Amino acid sequence: MKEYLEIFAQATTGYGNWLWSQITLKDGLWGNYFYFLIAISLVFLVLEWVKPWRAGQAKFRRDFWLDAFYMFFNFFIFSLIIFAGLSEVAVTFFTKALASIGIENVVAIEVSQWPTWVQIAVLFVVKDFVEWWVHRLLHTVPWLWEFHKVHHSVKEMGFAAHLRFHWMESVVYKSITYLPLAMIGFGIDDFFIAHMIAITIGHWNHANFNLNLGPFKYIFNNPNMHMWHHAYHIPEGHKYGVNFGLSLSIWDYIFGTASIPHSGRDIKLGFEGDQSFPKDFMHQVVHGLKPKQKK
């Protein structure tokens, strides 16, 4: 136990030092998640103001500041409080468990000799595919859906809604995607670039800004498609929802979960019973943790 407490403390301290170096630009701008998140958010804020998809929506829409706080909480504060340390403890425990049965290295595909752009493309596609399945789990498993309701409590869409989600989703996504990604040897730069692309697409999917992708809509997720994922009235024939793609829409077309009945620009958002769902951060952040009382 002492060993794991030390690992937790070291990882938390290390993350805190890393975050401070990000904020102070100690290591420069390349690989800087903190300022990239701010910069890309400002870009989409301006796009929403200059060319809004829903012209009648306020510049600072309903819950904008709540969602802005969620961006920093889910990306940085949560990791600083507990997740960085907890993740390192879990990885150490998992590695030791594998070593005890003779598995010293989980890397199954060595990609370091591949061209950089190929490595990034493979990482991006594999990560998005695994996360697509995780996203479906969040909708189909009742106790996971309770956490995911936080994200679907958005009533007016904007780029910042992208990162309004329950902290438990980070635990679920990272736990499930760890092994498949660990089996492919990528460098930190590959993860940064792939993550930047995913964040940009994710911001756009939720933004009050749209572009006509033409045939590329069958490959990349987009606002019109993702609005239907947040629809209050789920398209007929899809019990658990539609359009689960994060960055890529192709998985929904392949597995039959794509649905765009018409323009989703002005549809009602949310879920049945959301009028009684917590509206503030403190109550949302603990939602789903208590067992539901039987009626």
Protein backbone atom coordinates (compact mmCIF):
# COMPACT_ATOMS: atom_id res chain seq x y z
CA MET A 1 0.00 0.00 0.00
CA LYS A 2 2.82 2.40 0.87
CA GLU A 3 4.36 1.86 -2.56
CA TYR A 4 1.12 2.82 -4.31
CA LEU A 5 0.61 5.86 -2.09
CA GLU A 6 4.09 7.03 -3.08
CA ILE A 7 3.31 6.39 -6.76
CA PHE A 8 0.09 8.39 -6.38
CA ALA A 9 1.88 11.29 -4.72
CA GLN A 10 4.72 11.33 -7.26
CA ALA A 11 2.35 11.19 -10.22
CA THR A 12 0.17 13.97 -8.80
CA THR A 13 3.20 16.14 -8.12
CA GLY A 14 4.58 15.40 -11.57
CA TYR A 15 1.29 16.36 -13.17
CA GLY A 16 1.15 19.56 -11.15
CA ASN A 17 4.66 20.47 -12.32
CA TRP A 18 3.73 19.65 -15.91
CA LEU A 19 0.59 21.79 -15.72
CA TRP A 20 2.54 24.70 -14.28
CA SER A 21 5.11 24.37 -17.08
CA GLN A 22 2.23 24.46 -19.58
CA ILE A 23 0.76 27.62 -18.05
CA THR A 24 4.14 29.37 -17.81
CA LEU A 25 5.23 28.18 -21.28
CA LYS A 26 8.40 26.75 -19.76
CA ASP A 27 8.66 24.19 -22.56
CA GLY A 28 7.38 26.45 -25.34
CA LEU A 29 4.15 26.25 -27.28
CA TRP A 30 4.62 22.91 -29.05
CA GLY A 31 2.74 20.22 -27.20
CA ASN A 32 0.99 22.77 -24.99
CA TYR A 33 -2.51 21.42 -24.32
CA PHE A 34 -3.44 24.30 -22.04
CA TYR A 35 -3.05 27.11 -24.55
CA PHE A 36 -4.16 25.00 -27.49
CA LEU A 37 -7.50 24.43 -25.73
CA ILE A 38 -7.87 28.16 -25.12
CA ALA A 39 -6.83 29.09 -28.66
CA ILE A 40 -9.10 26.63 -30.47
CA SER A 41 -11.99 27.63 -28.18
CA LEU A 42 -11.51 31.30 -29.05
CA VAL A 43 -11.42 30.43 -32.76
CA PHE A 44 -14.80 28.69 -32.55
CA LEU A 45 -16.23 31.43 -30.36
CA VAL A 46 -15.40 33.95 -33.08
CA LEU A 47 -16.78 31.67 -35.81
CA GLU A 48 -20.03 31.31 -33.86
CA TRP A 49 -20.31 35.09 -33.63
CA VAL A 50 -19.32 35.85 -37.23
CA LYS A 51 -21.27 33.09 -38.99
CA PRO A 52 -23.77 31.51 -36.58
CA TRP A 53 -25.71 28.47 -37.76
CA ARG A 54 -28.56 29.50 -35.44
CA ALA A 55 -28.68 33.27 -35.91
CA GLY A 56 -31.07 33.86 -33.01
CA GLN A 57 -28.87 32.19 -30.40
CA ALA A 58 -27.17 34.53 -27.91
CA LYS A 59 -23.43 35.12 -28.31
CA PHE A 60 -22.96 33.69 -24.84
CA ARG A 61 -25.63 31.01 -24.99
CA ARG A 62 -27.36 29.40 -22.03
CA ASP A 63 -24.83 27.66 -19.71
CA PHE A 64 -21.83 28.96 -21.68
CA TRP A 65 -19.84 29.74 -18.54
CA LEU A 66 -20.73 26.42 -16.94
CA ASP A 67 -19.40 24.63 -20.01
CA ALA A 68 -16.29 26.82 -20.07
CA PHE A 69 -15.52 25.74 -16.51
CA TYR A 70 -16.10 22.10 -17.44
CA MET A 71 -13.39 22.43 -20.10
CA PHE A 72 -10.77 23.31 -17.52
CA PHE A 73 -12.12 20.96 -14.87
CA ASN A 74 -12.20 17.87 -17.08
CA PHE A 75 -8.88 18.58 -18.77
CA PHE A 76 -6.78 19.83 -15.89
CA ILE A 77 -8.35 20.24 -12.45
CA PHE A 78 -9.70 16.68 -12.18
CA SER A 79 -6.31 15.24 -13.14
CA LEU A 80 -4.57 17.44 -10.61
CA ILE A 81 -6.95 16.47 -7.82
CA ILE A 82 -6.93 12.70 -8.29
CA PHE A 83 -6.91 11.29 -11.83
CA ALA A 84 -3.20 11.62 -12.66
CA GLY A 85 -2.22 9.77 -9.50
CA LEU A 86 -4.99 7.20 -9.79
CA SER A 87 -4.10 6.46 -13.42
CA GLU A 88 -0.45 5.86 -12.57
CA VAL A 89 -1.40 3.54 -9.72
CA ALA A 90 -3.73 1.58 -12.02
CA VAL A 91 -1.11 1.29 -14.77
CA THR A 92 1.54 0.12 -12.27
CA PHE A 93 -0.82 -2.46 -10.80
CA PHE A 94 -1.83 -3.68 -14.27
CA THR A 95 1.80 -3.91 -15.44
CA LYS A 96 2.79 -5.92 -12.36
CA ALA A 97 -0.19 -8.22 -12.80
CA LEU A 98 0.87 -8.95 -16.38
CA ALA A 99 4.49 -9.47 -15.29
CA SER A 100 3.33 -12.02 -12.72
CA ILE A 101 2.03 -14.20 -15.56
CA GLY A 102 5.09 -13.67 -17.72
CA ILE A 103 3.97 -10.74 -19.91
CA GLU A 104 6.65 -8.06 -19.78
CA ASN A 105 5.71 -6.04 -22.85
CA VAL A 106 2.17 -5.44 -24.15
CA VAL A 107 3.28 -3.75 -27.38
CA ALA A 108 1.97 -5.98 -30.16
CA ILE A 109 2.58 -3.68 -33.14
CA GLU A 110 5.81 -1.74 -33.45
CA VAL A 111 5.05 1.39 -35.44
CA SER A 112 8.12 3.50 -34.66
CA GLN A 113 9.62 2.79 -38.08
CA TRP A 114 6.51 3.88 -39.94
CA PRO A 115 6.30 7.38 -41.46
CA THR A 116 5.14 9.89 -38.86
CA TRP A 117 1.95 10.78 -40.72
CA VAL A 118 1.01 7.09 -40.93
CA GLN A 119 1.57 6.66 -37.19
CA ILE A 120 -0.65 9.65 -36.42
CA ALA A 121 -3.37 8.49 -38.83
CA VAL A 122 -3.41 4.96 -37.39
CA LEU A 123 -3.50 6.27 -33.81
CA PHE A 124 -6.32 8.67 -34.66
CA VAL A 125 -8.46 6.01 -36.36
CA VAL A 126 -7.86 3.25 -33.80
CA LYS A 127 -8.52 5.60 -30.87
CA ASP A 128 -11.70 6.96 -32.46
CA PHE A 129 -12.99 3.46 -33.25
CA VAL A 130 -12.50 2.22 -29.69
CA GLU A 131 -14.07 5.40 -28.29
CA TRP A 132 -17.06 4.97 -30.60
CA TRP A 133 -17.82 1.65 -28.89
CA VAL A 134 -17.27 3.20 -25.45
CA HIS A 135 -19.71 5.97 -26.39
CA ARG A 136 -22.32 3.37 -27.31
CA LEU A 137 -21.80 1.73 -23.92
CA LEU A 138 -22.51 5.06 -22.23
CA HIS A 139 -25.93 5.02 -23.89
CA THR A 140 -26.82 1.35 -23.52
CA VAL A 141 -25.62 0.53 -19.99
CA PRO A 142 -28.06 2.18 -17.53
CA TRP A 143 -25.58 3.12 -14.80
CA LEU A 144 -23.18 4.59 -17.38
CA TRP A 145 -26.03 6.54 -18.98
CA GLU A 146 -26.63 8.27 -15.63
CA PHE A 147 -23.14 9.78 -15.89
CA HIS A 148 -23.51 10.55 -19.58
CA LYS A 149 -26.70 12.50 -18.90
CA VAL A 150 -24.50 15.40 -17.80
CA HIS A 151 -23.31 15.83 -21.38
CA HIS A 152 -26.82 15.44 -22.76
CA SER A 153 -28.22 18.03 -20.36
CA VAL A 154 -27.10 20.71 -22.84
CA LYS A 155 -30.18 22.60 -24.04
CA GLU A 156 -28.47 25.09 -26.38
CA MET A 157 -25.53 23.86 -28.39
CA GLY A 158 -22.17 25.58 -28.66
CA PHE A 159 -18.52 24.56 -28.95
CA ALA A 160 -17.93 24.56 -25.16
CA ALA A 161 -20.62 21.89 -24.71
CA HIS A 162 -18.07 19.49 -26.18
CA LEU A 163 -16.30 19.22 -22.84
CA ARG A 164 -19.29 19.29 -20.51
CA PHE A 165 -19.17 15.71 -19.28
CA HIS A 166 -19.07 13.83 -16.00
CA TRP A 167 -15.59 13.05 -14.67
CA MET A 168 -16.52 9.36 -14.54
CA GLU A 169 -16.49 9.35 -18.34
CA SER A 170 -12.75 10.04 -18.24
CA VAL A 171 -12.31 7.00 -16.00
CA VAL A 172 -14.41 4.80 -18.31
CA TYR A 173 -12.82 5.98 -21.58
CA LYS A 174 -9.23 5.79 -20.30
CA SER A 175 -9.74 2.38 -18.68
CA ILE A 176 -11.18 0.77 -21.80
CA THR A 177 -8.88 2.42 -24.36
CA TYR A 178 -5.67 1.90 -22.37
CA LEU A 179 -4.89 -1.66 -23.48
CA PRO A 180 -5.60 -1.35 -27.23
CA LEU A 181 -3.55 1.86 -27.41
CA ALA A 182 -0.79 0.45 -25.21
CA MET A 183 -0.44 -2.43 -27.66
CA ILE A 184 0.63 0.07 -30.31
CA GLY A 185 3.89 1.91 -29.63
CA PHE A 186 3.34 5.63 -30.17
CA GLY A 187 5.38 8.63 -29.07
CA ILE A 188 4.03 11.58 -27.10
CA ASP A 189 4.09 13.85 -30.16
CA ASP A 190 1.79 11.44 -31.99
CA PHE A 191 -0.72 11.57 -29.16
CA PHE A 192 -0.58 15.36 -29.04
CA ILE A 193 -1.24 15.81 -32.76
CA ALA A 194 -4.02 13.19 -32.83
CA HIS A 195 -5.57 14.76 -29.74
CA MET A 196 -5.43 18.26 -31.24
CA ILE A 197 -7.29 17.02 -34.31
CA ALA A 198 -9.91 15.26 -32.17
CA ILE A 199 -10.44 18.32 -29.96
CA THR A 200 -10.88 20.55 -33.02
CA ILE A 201 -13.45 18.23 -34.61
CA GLY A 202 -15.22 17.79 -31.27
CA HIS A 203 -15.49 21.56 -30.79
CA TRP A 204 -16.88 21.90 -34.31
CA ASN A 205 -19.45 19.11 -33.84
CA HIS A 206 -20.97 21.08 -30.98
CA ALA A 207 -20.45 24.58 -32.37
CA ASN A 208 -23.07 27.02 -33.57
CA PHE A 209 -21.17 27.05 -36.86
CA ASN A 210 -21.56 24.75 -39.81
CA LEU A 211 -19.99 23.95 -43.17
CA ASN A 212 -21.13 21.80 -46.06
CA LEU A 213 -18.76 18.82 -46.14
CA GLY A 214 -20.27 17.28 -49.24
CA PRO A 215 -19.32 13.58 -49.51
CA PHE A 216 -16.87 13.96 -46.59
CA LYS A 217 -19.87 13.97 -44.25
CA TYR A 218 -19.76 10.18 -44.52
CA ILE A 219 -16.26 10.23 -43.01
CA PHE A 220 -16.15 13.13 -40.56
CA ASN A 221 -18.64 13.99 -37.86
CA ASN A 222 -20.33 17.38 -38.23
CA PRO A 223 -22.78 19.69 -36.40
CA ASN A 224 -25.88 18.64 -38.33
CA MET A 225 -25.19 14.97 -37.60
CA HIS A 226 -24.23 15.49 -33.98
CA MET A 227 -27.29 17.61 -33.21
CA TRP A 228 -29.36 14.49 -33.81
CA HIS A 229 -27.22 12.65 -31.30
CA HIS A 230 -28.37 15.25 -28.73
CA ALA A 231 -31.99 15.23 -29.94
CA TYR A 232 -34.70 15.12 -27.27
CA HIS A 233 -36.80 13.02 -29.62
CA ILE A 234 -34.60 10.15 -30.80
CA PRO A 235 -35.18 9.16 -34.45
CA GLU A 236 -37.59 6.23 -34.74
CA GLY A 237 -36.06 2.77 -34.68
CA HIS A 238 -33.06 3.73 -32.55
CA LYS A 239 -33.77 2.93 -28.90
CA TYR A 240 -30.45 4.13 -27.47
CA GLY A 241 -29.69 7.01 -29.79
CA VAL A 242 -27.95 7.72 -33.07
CA ASN A 243 -24.72 9.17 -34.45
CA PHE A 244 -22.28 8.01 -31.78
CA GLY A 245 -19.20 9.12 -33.71
CA LEU A 246 -16.75 11.38 -31.93
CA SER A 247 -14.50 12.52 -34.77
CA LEU A 248 -15.44 10.09 -37.54
CA SER A 249 -18.97 9.48 -38.76
CA ILE A 250 -18.01 6.46 -40.82
CA TRP A 251 -18.54 4.04 -37.91
CA ASP A 252 -22.20 5.03 -37.67
CA TYR A 253 -22.72 4.42 -41.36
CA ILE A 254 -20.94 1.06 -41.16
CA PHE A 255 -22.85 -0.18 -38.10
CA GLY A 256 -26.24 1.27 -38.97
CA THR A 257 -26.54 3.93 -36.26
CA ALA A 258 -26.43 6.97 -38.58
CA SER A 259 -29.61 9.03 -38.83
CA ILE A 260 -30.24 12.57 -40.07
CA PRO A 261 -34.01 12.85 -40.71
CA HIS A 262 -33.65 16.53 -41.67
CA SER A 263 -31.62 19.55 -40.63
CA GLY A 264 -30.91 19.35 -36.92
CA ARG A 265 -30.31 23.08 -36.59
CA ASP A 266 -33.42 23.92 -34.57
CA ILE A 267 -34.43 20.62 -32.97
CA LYS A 268 -35.12 20.30 -29.25
CA LEU A 269 -32.16 18.98 -27.27
CA GLY A 270 -31.89 16.94 -24.10
CA PHE A 271 -33.56 13.79 -22.81
CA GLU A 272 -36.84 12.76 -21.24
CA GLY A 273 -37.04 14.07 -17.68
CA ASP A 274 -34.21 16.58 -18.08
CA GLN A 275 -36.37 19.34 -16.59
CA SER A 276 -35.55 17.89 -13.17
CA PHE A 277 -31.87 17.22 -13.92
CA PRO A 278 -29.35 19.26 -11.84
CA LYS A 279 -28.49 22.59 -13.45
CA ASP A 280 -25.36 23.47 -11.44
CA PHE A 281 -21.87 22.00 -11.48
CA MET A 282 -21.77 20.78 -7.87
CA HIS A 283 -24.88 18.64 -8.27
CA GLN A 284 -23.99 17.44 -11.77
CA VAL A 285 -20.53 16.32 -10.70
CA VAL A 286 -21.97 13.88 -8.15
CA HIS A 287 -24.90 12.74 -10.27
CA GLY A 288 -24.95 9.00 -10.82
CA LEU A 289 -22.82 8.17 -7.80
CA LYS A 290 -25.74 7.30 -5.54
CA PRO A 291 -27.79 4.14 -6.28
CA LYS A 292 -31.20 4.98 -7.67
CA GLN A 293 -33.96 4.44 -5.15
CA LYS A 294 -36.56 1.89 -6.20
CA LYS A 295 -40.03 3.32 -6.50
